[in-house]
Amino acid sequence: MEGVFRRSMVNREPVEMIYMSKKGTVTKRVVTIRSISAGKVTAFCHLRRAVRTFRRDSILSVMPVRTSRKKPGEGQIG
């Protein structure tokens, strides 16, 4: 996961992230990483169109956005 975060930050490329909120809601978001710390990741969230901070222990998965899916997309799972 760390390598995907760093590549997104250095190359300013979006990644697809599956995240669980404090309330237990799981969402899939497209984000572009701005900064990485021990417990948090700050990223531009394409869903909210704003910079957001995500707890690392709530990030379930992260993967590069496929080139065939350039349009940022996200949505609630389940």
Protein backbone atom coordinates (compact mmCIF):
# COMPACT_ATOMS: atom_id res chain seq x y z
CA MET A 1 0.00 0.00 0.00
CA GLU A 2 2.84 2.39 0.85
CA GLY A 3 4.28 2.20 -2.67
CA VAL A 4 0.92 3.00 -4.26
CA PHE A 5 0.52 6.02 -1.94
CA ARG A 6 3.98 7.31 -2.79
CA ARG A 7 3.55 6.88 -6.57
CA SER A 8 0.24 8.73 -6.43
CA MET A 9 1.84 11.57 -4.49
CA VAL A 10 5.01 11.87 -6.60
CA ASN A 11 3.30 11.46 -9.99
CA ARG A 12 0.07 13.25 -8.98
CA GLU A 13 -1.91 10.28 -10.27
CA PRO A 14 -5.26 9.25 -8.80
CA VAL A 15 -5.75 5.97 -6.98
CA GLU A 16 -8.89 4.05 -6.13
CA MET A 17 -9.32 3.61 -2.40
CA ILE A 18 -11.79 1.55 -0.40
CA TYR A 19 -12.36 3.22 2.95
CA MET A 20 -14.43 2.51 6.05
CA SER A 21 -15.83 5.53 7.89
CA LYS A 22 -16.14 5.79 11.68
CA LYS A 23 -19.80 4.78 11.27
CA GLY A 24 -18.82 1.61 9.42
CA THR A 25 -19.90 2.79 5.96
CA VAL A 26 -17.62 1.43 3.24
CA THR A 27 -17.02 3.67 0.22
CA LYS A 28 -14.92 3.47 -2.89
CA ARG A 29 -13.26 6.79 -3.68
CA VAL A 30 -10.84 8.12 -6.24
CA VAL A 31 -8.22 10.25 -4.54
CA THR A 32 -4.90 11.90 -5.36
CA ILE A 33 -2.46 11.67 -2.46
CA ARG A 34 -1.06 14.95 -1.12
CA SER A 35 0.86 13.78 1.98
CA ILE A 36 1.54 10.63 3.98
CA SER A 37 2.20 10.33 7.71
CA ALA A 38 2.38 7.44 10.16
CA GLY A 39 -1.34 7.37 10.91
CA LYS A 40 -2.98 9.49 8.22
CA VAL A 41 -3.10 10.14 4.50
CA THR A 42 -4.12 13.53 3.14
CA ALA A 43 -5.56 13.45 -0.36
CA PHE A 44 -7.74 15.32 -2.81
CA CYS A 45 -11.00 13.37 -2.81
CA HIS A 46 -12.67 13.42 -6.23
CA LEU A 47 -16.00 12.40 -4.61
CA ARG A 48 -16.11 15.43 -2.29
CA ARG A 49 -14.00 17.64 -4.57
CA ALA A 50 -11.95 18.71 -1.57
CA VAL A 51 -8.82 17.81 0.36
CA ARG A 52 -9.60 15.20 3.01
CA THR A 53 -7.62 13.37 5.67
CA PHE A 54 -8.06 9.60 5.94
CA ARG A 55 -7.00 7.38 8.83
CA ARG A 56 -4.60 4.75 7.53
CA ASP A 57 -6.13 2.03 9.69
CA SER A 58 -9.51 2.69 7.99
CA ILE A 59 -8.16 2.29 4.45
CA LEU A 60 -9.09 -1.23 3.38
CA SER A 61 -7.38 -1.21 -0.02
CA VAL A 62 -5.77 1.10 -2.53
CA MET A 63 -4.88 0.52 -6.17
CA PRO A 64 -3.89 2.61 -9.18
CA VAL A 65 -6.76 3.84 -11.31
CA ARG A 66 -6.85 1.89 -14.57
CA THR A 67 -6.06 4.00 -17.62
CA SER A 68 -9.29 2.89 -19.28
CA ARG A 69 -11.18 4.47 -16.36
CA LYS A 70 -9.80 8.01 -16.41
CA LYS A 71 -13.10 9.49 -15.24
CA PRO A 72 -13.03 9.59 -11.41
CA GLY A 73 -15.78 7.40 -10.05
CA GLU A 74 -16.76 6.27 -6.62
CA GLY A 75 -19.76 5.09 -4.72
CA GLN A 76 -21.11 3.37 -1.68
CA ILE A 77 -20.55 -0.36 -1.50
CA GLY A 78 -23.32 -2.62 -0.29
